Amino acid sequence: MLLEISPAIWRRIQVRDCTLADLHDQIQAAFGWWNYHMHQFEIDGERYGPSSPDDFDFGMEMLDESGVLLSQLLPESGKRAKWIYEYDFGDGWRHEIVFEGYPPIDKKVKYPLCVEGERACPPEDVGGPWGYAEYLEAMADPQHERHEELMEWRGPFDPDEFDAKKVTREMRKK
């Protein structure tokens, strides 16, 4: 779920055990982000992120996400766990990730899978939660001073649009 956004923008996804780097790719696909910016996971007081020397760490020490499996971090009991995933440090898109438990194993199900969700992902580089609020206001009012500029930048946008099947297809491309 994206934090600091109302009404809520969220996704419920199911993935097999994978690395945090793989989970990052699935979150990007599930929300419709373009993977242009840095990201990190905040889990139990630790920060995990990319290990590439080309990536900037913004002065923050991060553990390498590519070598850590979800199964190493999640409670064995299947109890709920909450993490933070942040994408685009400039815009500050913070997502709350809630592990809801281990689903029953069904060999007929193909993973990853988007089970459900609500609302379209904000456009990339819109300016974080505050910029998104301004964007929605301008897009809803053809008389708004920025309406035409934003229409040229992004085109038509339906904030209520969401299609779990389409999201699943995007997730499976990763």
C-alpha atoms as a PDB file:
ATOM      1  CA  MET A   1       0.000   0.000   0.000  1.00  0.00           C
ATOM      2  CA  LEU A   2       1.291   3.455  -0.865  1.00  0.00           C
ATOM      3  CA  LEU A   3       1.571   5.569   2.273  1.00  0.00           C
ATOM      4  CA  GLU A   4       0.351   9.171   2.545  1.00  0.00           C
ATOM      5  CA  ILE A   5      -2.216   8.693  -0.255  1.00  0.00           C
ATOM      6  CA  SER A   6      -5.976   8.845   0.170  1.00  0.00           C
ATOM      7  CA  PRO A   7      -7.995   7.062  -1.042  1.00  0.00           C
ATOM      8  CA  ALA A   8      -5.620   4.138  -0.728  1.00  0.00           C
ATOM      9  CA  ILE A   9      -3.617   2.705  -3.621  1.00  0.00           C
ATOM     10  CA  TRP A  10      -2.730  -0.894  -2.858  1.00  0.00           C
ATOM     11  CA  ARG A  11      -1.986  -4.335  -4.287  1.00  0.00           C
ATOM     12  CA  ARG A  12      -2.291  -7.835  -2.859  1.00  0.00           C
ATOM     13  CA  ILE A  13       0.250 -10.062  -4.570  1.00  0.00           C
ATOM     14  CA  GLN A  14       1.510 -13.594  -4.124  1.00  0.00           C
ATOM     15  CA  VAL A  15       5.063 -14.585  -5.005  1.00  0.00           C
ATOM     16  CA  ARG A  16       7.172 -17.663  -4.479  1.00  0.00           C
ATOM     17  CA  ASP A  17      10.217 -17.414  -2.240  1.00  0.00           C
ATOM     18  CA  CYS A  18      12.561 -14.972  -3.958  1.00  0.00           C
ATOM     19  CA  THR A  19      15.260 -12.431  -3.189  1.00  0.00           C
ATOM     20  CA  LEU A  20      14.458  -8.896  -2.133  1.00  0.00           C
ATOM     21  CA  ALA A  21      15.830  -7.792  -5.521  1.00  0.00           C
ATOM     22  CA  ASP A  22      13.220  -9.999  -7.211  1.00  0.00           C
ATOM     23  CA  LEU A  23      10.520  -8.683  -4.877  1.00  0.00           C
ATOM     24  CA  HIS A  24      11.537  -5.144  -5.871  1.00  0.00           C
ATOM     25  CA  ASP A  25      10.941  -6.086  -9.531  1.00  0.00           C
ATOM     26  CA  GLN A  26       7.525  -7.529  -8.645  1.00  0.00           C
ATOM     27  CA  ILE A  27       6.521  -4.420  -6.693  1.00  0.00           C
ATOM     28  CA  GLN A  28       7.596  -2.236  -9.620  1.00  0.00           C
ATOM     29  CA  ALA A  29       5.407  -4.285 -11.976  1.00  0.00           C
ATOM     30  CA  ALA A  30       2.475  -4.487  -9.551  1.00  0.00           C
ATOM     31  CA  PHE A  31       2.321  -0.730  -9.060  1.00  0.00           C
ATOM     32  CA  GLY A  32       3.291   0.269 -12.581  1.00  0.00           C
ATOM     33  CA  TRP A  33       6.532   2.036 -11.659  1.00  0.00           C
ATOM     34  CA  TRP A  34       9.207   2.263 -14.361  1.00  0.00           C
ATOM     35  CA  ASN A  35      12.233   1.363 -12.205  1.00  0.00           C
ATOM     36  CA  TYR A  36      13.993   4.659 -12.999  1.00  0.00           C
ATOM     37  CA  HIS A  37      14.972   5.491  -9.432  1.00  0.00           C
ATOM     38  CA  MET A  38      16.706   4.121  -6.352  1.00  0.00           C
ATOM     39  CA  HIS A  39      14.848   2.049  -3.817  1.00  0.00           C
ATOM     40  CA  GLN A  40      15.328   0.401  -0.457  1.00  0.00           C
ATOM     41  CA  PHE A  41      13.612  -1.961   1.932  1.00  0.00           C
ATOM     42  CA  GLU A  42      13.460  -1.156   5.660  1.00  0.00           C
ATOM     43  CA  ILE A  43      13.128  -4.425   7.556  1.00  0.00           C
ATOM     44  CA  ASP A  44      13.609  -4.874  11.300  1.00  0.00           C
ATOM     45  CA  GLY A  45      15.909  -1.861  11.568  1.00  0.00           C
ATOM     46  CA  GLU A  46      18.057  -2.817   8.557  1.00  0.00           C
ATOM     47  CA  ARG A  47      18.150  -1.252   5.099  1.00  0.00           C
ATOM     48  CA  TYR A  48      18.443  -3.453   2.014  1.00  0.00           C
ATOM     49  CA  GLY A  49      19.038  -2.215  -1.503  1.00  0.00           C
ATOM     50  CA  PRO A  50      20.948  -2.703  -4.749  1.00  0.00           C
ATOM     51  CA  SER A  51      24.625  -3.579  -4.577  1.00  0.00           C
ATOM     52  CA  SER A  52      25.709  -2.086  -7.900  1.00  0.00           C
ATOM     53  CA  PRO A  53      28.670   0.279  -7.590  1.00  0.00           C
ATOM     54  CA  ASP A  54      26.842   2.543 -10.044  1.00  0.00           C
ATOM     55  CA  ASP A  55      24.031   3.076  -7.553  1.00  0.00           C
ATOM     56  CA  PHE A  56      24.202   5.928  -5.087  1.00  0.00           C
ATOM     57  CA  ASP A  57      23.577   5.103  -1.464  1.00  0.00           C
ATOM     58  CA  PHE A  58      22.747   8.679  -0.420  1.00  0.00           C
ATOM     59  CA  GLY A  59      25.042   8.207   2.564  1.00  0.00           C
ATOM     60  CA  MET A  60      23.013   5.282   3.884  1.00  0.00           C
ATOM     61  CA  GLU A  61      24.554   1.914   4.524  1.00  0.00           C
ATOM     62  CA  MET A  62      22.525  -0.812   2.838  1.00  0.00           C
ATOM     63  CA  LEU A  63      22.770  -4.567   2.843  1.00  0.00           C
ATOM     64  CA  ASP A  64      22.764  -6.286  -0.556  1.00  0.00           C
ATOM     65  CA  GLU A  65      19.181  -7.212  -1.419  1.00  0.00           C
ATOM     66  CA  SER A  66      20.242  -9.709  -4.084  1.00  0.00           C
ATOM     67  CA  GLY A  67      21.465 -12.293  -1.590  1.00  0.00           C
ATOM     68  CA  VAL A  68      18.553 -12.246   0.839  1.00  0.00           C
ATOM     69  CA  LEU A  69      15.532 -14.511   0.399  1.00  0.00           C
ATOM     70  CA  LEU A  70      12.088 -13.666   1.718  1.00  0.00           C
ATOM     71  CA  SER A  71      12.136 -16.941   3.640  1.00  0.00           C
ATOM     72  CA  GLN A  72      15.174 -15.691   5.583  1.00  0.00           C
ATOM     73  CA  LEU A  73      13.280 -12.625   6.790  1.00  0.00           C
ATOM     74  CA  LEU A  74       9.700 -13.786   7.270  1.00  0.00           C
ATOM     75  CA  PRO A  75       8.469 -15.368  10.482  1.00  0.00           C
ATOM     76  CA  GLU A  76       8.387 -19.164  10.285  1.00  0.00           C
ATOM     77  CA  SER A  77       5.090 -19.132  12.121  1.00  0.00           C
ATOM     78  CA  GLY A  78       3.423 -17.328   9.238  1.00  0.00           C
ATOM     79  CA  LYS A  79       2.496 -14.433  11.530  1.00  0.00           C
ATOM     80  CA  ARG A  80       2.030 -10.999  10.030  1.00  0.00           C
ATOM     81  CA  ALA A  81       5.089  -8.879   9.360  1.00  0.00           C
ATOM     82  CA  LYS A  82       5.323  -5.275   8.136  1.00  0.00           C
ATOM     83  CA  TRP A  83       8.132  -3.724   6.114  1.00  0.00           C
ATOM     84  CA  ILE A  84       8.677  -0.446   4.310  1.00  0.00           C
ATOM     85  CA  TYR A  85       9.678  -0.290   0.652  1.00  0.00           C
ATOM     86  CA  GLU A  86      10.721   3.146  -0.588  1.00  0.00           C
ATOM     87  CA  TYR A  87      10.993   3.992  -4.259  1.00  0.00           C
ATOM     88  CA  ASP A  88      12.375   7.229  -5.723  1.00  0.00           C
ATOM     89  CA  PHE A  89      14.099   8.982  -2.847  1.00  0.00           C
ATOM     90  CA  GLY A  90      13.363  12.364  -4.453  1.00  0.00           C
ATOM     91  CA  ASP A  91       9.598  11.815  -4.615  1.00  0.00           C
ATOM     92  CA  GLY A  92       9.580   9.618  -1.503  1.00  0.00           C
ATOM     93  CA  TRP A  93       7.096   6.918  -2.484  1.00  0.00           C
ATOM     94  CA  ARG A  94       6.850   4.811   0.667  1.00  0.00           C
ATOM     95  CA  HIS A  95       4.975   1.521   0.484  1.00  0.00           C
ATOM     96  CA  GLU A  96       3.901  -0.544   3.465  1.00  0.00           C
ATOM     97  CA  ILE A  97       4.422  -4.227   2.729  1.00  0.00           C
ATOM     98  CA  VAL A  98       2.364  -6.549   4.900  1.00  0.00           C
ATOM     99  CA  PHE A  99       3.149 -10.251   4.941  1.00  0.00           C
ATOM    100  CA  GLU A 100      -0.240 -11.806   5.655  1.00  0.00           C
ATOM    101  CA  GLY A 101       0.862 -15.407   6.010  1.00  0.00           C
ATOM    102  CA  TYR A 102       1.706 -18.381   3.879  1.00  0.00           C
ATOM    103  CA  PRO A 103      -1.112 -19.317   1.470  1.00  0.00           C
ATOM    104  CA  PRO A 104      -1.994 -22.969   1.009  1.00  0.00           C
ATOM    105  CA  ILE A 105       0.184 -24.582  -1.642  1.00  0.00           C
ATOM    106  CA  ASP A 106      -1.729 -25.024  -4.881  1.00  0.00           C
ATOM    107  CA  LYS A 107       0.348 -26.549  -7.666  1.00  0.00           C
ATOM    108  CA  LYS A 108      -2.205 -25.349 -10.239  1.00  0.00           C
ATOM    109  CA  VAL A 109      -1.521 -21.684  -9.445  1.00  0.00           C
ATOM    110  CA  LYS A 110       1.105 -19.910 -11.527  1.00  0.00           C
ATOM    111  CA  TYR A 111       3.118 -17.276  -9.667  1.00  0.00           C
ATOM    112  CA  PRO A 112       3.605 -14.366  -9.360  1.00  0.00           C
ATOM    113  CA  LEU A 113       0.000 -13.331  -9.058  1.00  0.00           C
ATOM    114  CA  CYS A 114      -1.855 -10.102  -8.340  1.00  0.00           C
ATOM    115  CA  VAL A 115      -4.912 -11.172  -6.382  1.00  0.00           C
ATOM    116  CA  GLU A 116      -6.526  -7.750  -5.996  1.00  0.00           C
ATOM    117  CA  GLY A 117      -5.860  -4.057  -5.524  1.00  0.00           C
ATOM    118  CA  GLU A 118      -7.301  -0.598  -5.909  1.00  0.00           C
ATOM    119  CA  ARG A 119      -6.574   2.476  -7.974  1.00  0.00           C
ATOM    120  CA  ALA A 120      -3.959   3.383 -10.549  1.00  0.00           C
ATOM    121  CA  CYS A 121      -0.366   4.037  -9.638  1.00  0.00           C
ATOM    122  CA  PRO A 122       0.617   7.717  -9.676  1.00  0.00           C
ATOM    123  CA  PRO A 123       2.616   8.785 -12.726  1.00  0.00           C
ATOM    124  CA  GLU A 124       6.386   8.481 -12.456  1.00  0.00           C
ATOM    125  CA  ASP A 125       8.085  11.760 -11.399  1.00  0.00           C
ATOM    126  CA  VAL A 126       4.829  13.471 -10.416  1.00  0.00           C
ATOM    127  CA  GLY A 127       6.403  14.798  -7.202  1.00  0.00           C
ATOM    128  CA  GLY A 128       5.502  12.325  -4.474  1.00  0.00           C
ATOM    129  CA  PRO A 129       2.237  12.271  -2.521  1.00  0.00           C
ATOM    130  CA  TRP A 130       1.926  16.070  -2.484  1.00  0.00           C
ATOM    131  CA  GLY A 131       2.693  16.432  -6.181  1.00  0.00           C
ATOM    132  CA  TYR A 132       0.199  13.671  -6.923  1.00  0.00           C
ATOM    133  CA  ALA A 133      -2.541  15.504  -4.993  1.00  0.00           C
ATOM    134  CA  GLU A 134      -1.845  18.646  -7.046  1.00  0.00           C
ATOM    135  CA  TYR A 135      -1.756  16.562 -10.234  1.00  0.00           C
ATOM    136  CA  LEU A 136      -5.186  15.027  -9.513  1.00  0.00           C
ATOM    137  CA  GLU A 137      -6.631  18.446  -8.741  1.00  0.00           C
ATOM    138  CA  ALA A 138      -5.303  19.908 -11.996  1.00  0.00           C
ATOM    139  CA  MET A 139      -6.394  16.924 -14.097  1.00  0.00           C
ATOM    140  CA  ALA A 140      -9.936  17.042 -12.695  1.00  0.00           C
ATOM    141  CA  ASP A 141     -10.382  20.736 -13.544  1.00  0.00           C
ATOM    142  CA  PRO A 142      -9.985  21.776 -17.206  1.00  0.00           C
ATOM    143  CA  GLN A 143      -9.801  25.405 -15.990  1.00  0.00           C
ATOM    144  CA  HIS A 144      -6.848  24.710 -13.672  1.00  0.00           C
ATOM    145  CA  GLU A 145      -3.737  26.672 -14.711  1.00  0.00           C
ATOM    146  CA  ARG A 146      -1.688  23.450 -15.073  1.00  0.00           C
ATOM    147  CA  HIS A 147      -4.347  21.224 -16.674  1.00  0.00           C
ATOM    148  CA  GLU A 148      -3.178  21.628 -20.260  1.00  0.00           C
ATOM    149  CA  GLU A 149       0.511  21.262 -19.335  1.00  0.00           C
ATOM    150  CA  LEU A 150      -0.154  18.035 -17.414  1.00  0.00           C
ATOM    151  CA  MET A 151      -2.370  16.636 -20.172  1.00  0.00           C
ATOM    152  CA  GLU A 152       0.509  17.147 -22.619  1.00  0.00           C
ATOM    153  CA  TRP A 153       2.965  15.582 -20.164  1.00  0.00           C
ATOM    154  CA  ARG A 154       0.958  12.476 -19.258  1.00  0.00           C
ATOM    155  CA  GLY A 155      -2.201  12.356 -21.344  1.00  0.00           C
ATOM    156  CA  PRO A 156      -5.540  11.167 -19.959  1.00  0.00           C
ATOM    157  CA  PHE A 157      -5.358   9.523 -16.543  1.00  0.00           C
ATOM    158  CA  ASP A 158      -8.022   7.618 -14.619  1.00  0.00           C
ATOM    159  CA  PRO A 159      -6.961   7.411 -10.951  1.00  0.00           C
ATOM    160  CA  ASP A 160      -9.566   4.709 -10.273  1.00  0.00           C
ATOM    161  CA  GLU A 161      -8.347   2.351 -13.005  1.00  0.00           C
ATOM    162  CA  PHE A 162      -7.054  -1.025 -11.849  1.00  0.00           C
ATOM    163  CA  ASP A 163      -6.952  -4.438 -13.537  1.00  0.00           C
ATOM    164  CA  ALA A 164      -5.500  -7.337 -11.516  1.00  0.00           C
ATOM    165  CA  LYS A 165      -5.173  -9.556 -14.608  1.00  0.00           C
ATOM    166  CA  LYS A 166      -3.148  -6.894 -16.425  1.00  0.00           C
ATOM    167  CA  VAL A 167      -0.932  -6.440 -13.358  1.00  0.00           C
ATOM    168  CA  THR A 168      -0.369 -10.211 -13.172  1.00  0.00           C
ATOM    169  CA  ARG A 169       0.718 -10.224 -16.827  1.00  0.00           C
ATOM    170  CA  GLU A 170       3.214  -7.417 -16.122  1.00  0.00           C
ATOM    171  CA  MET A 171       4.538  -9.216 -13.042  1.00  0.00           C
ATOM    172  CA  ARG A 172       5.135 -12.387 -15.041  1.00  0.00           C
ATOM    173  CA  LYS A 173       7.322 -10.498 -17.522  1.00  0.00           C
ATOM    174  CA  LYS A 174       9.912  -9.922 -14.775  1.00  0.00           C
END
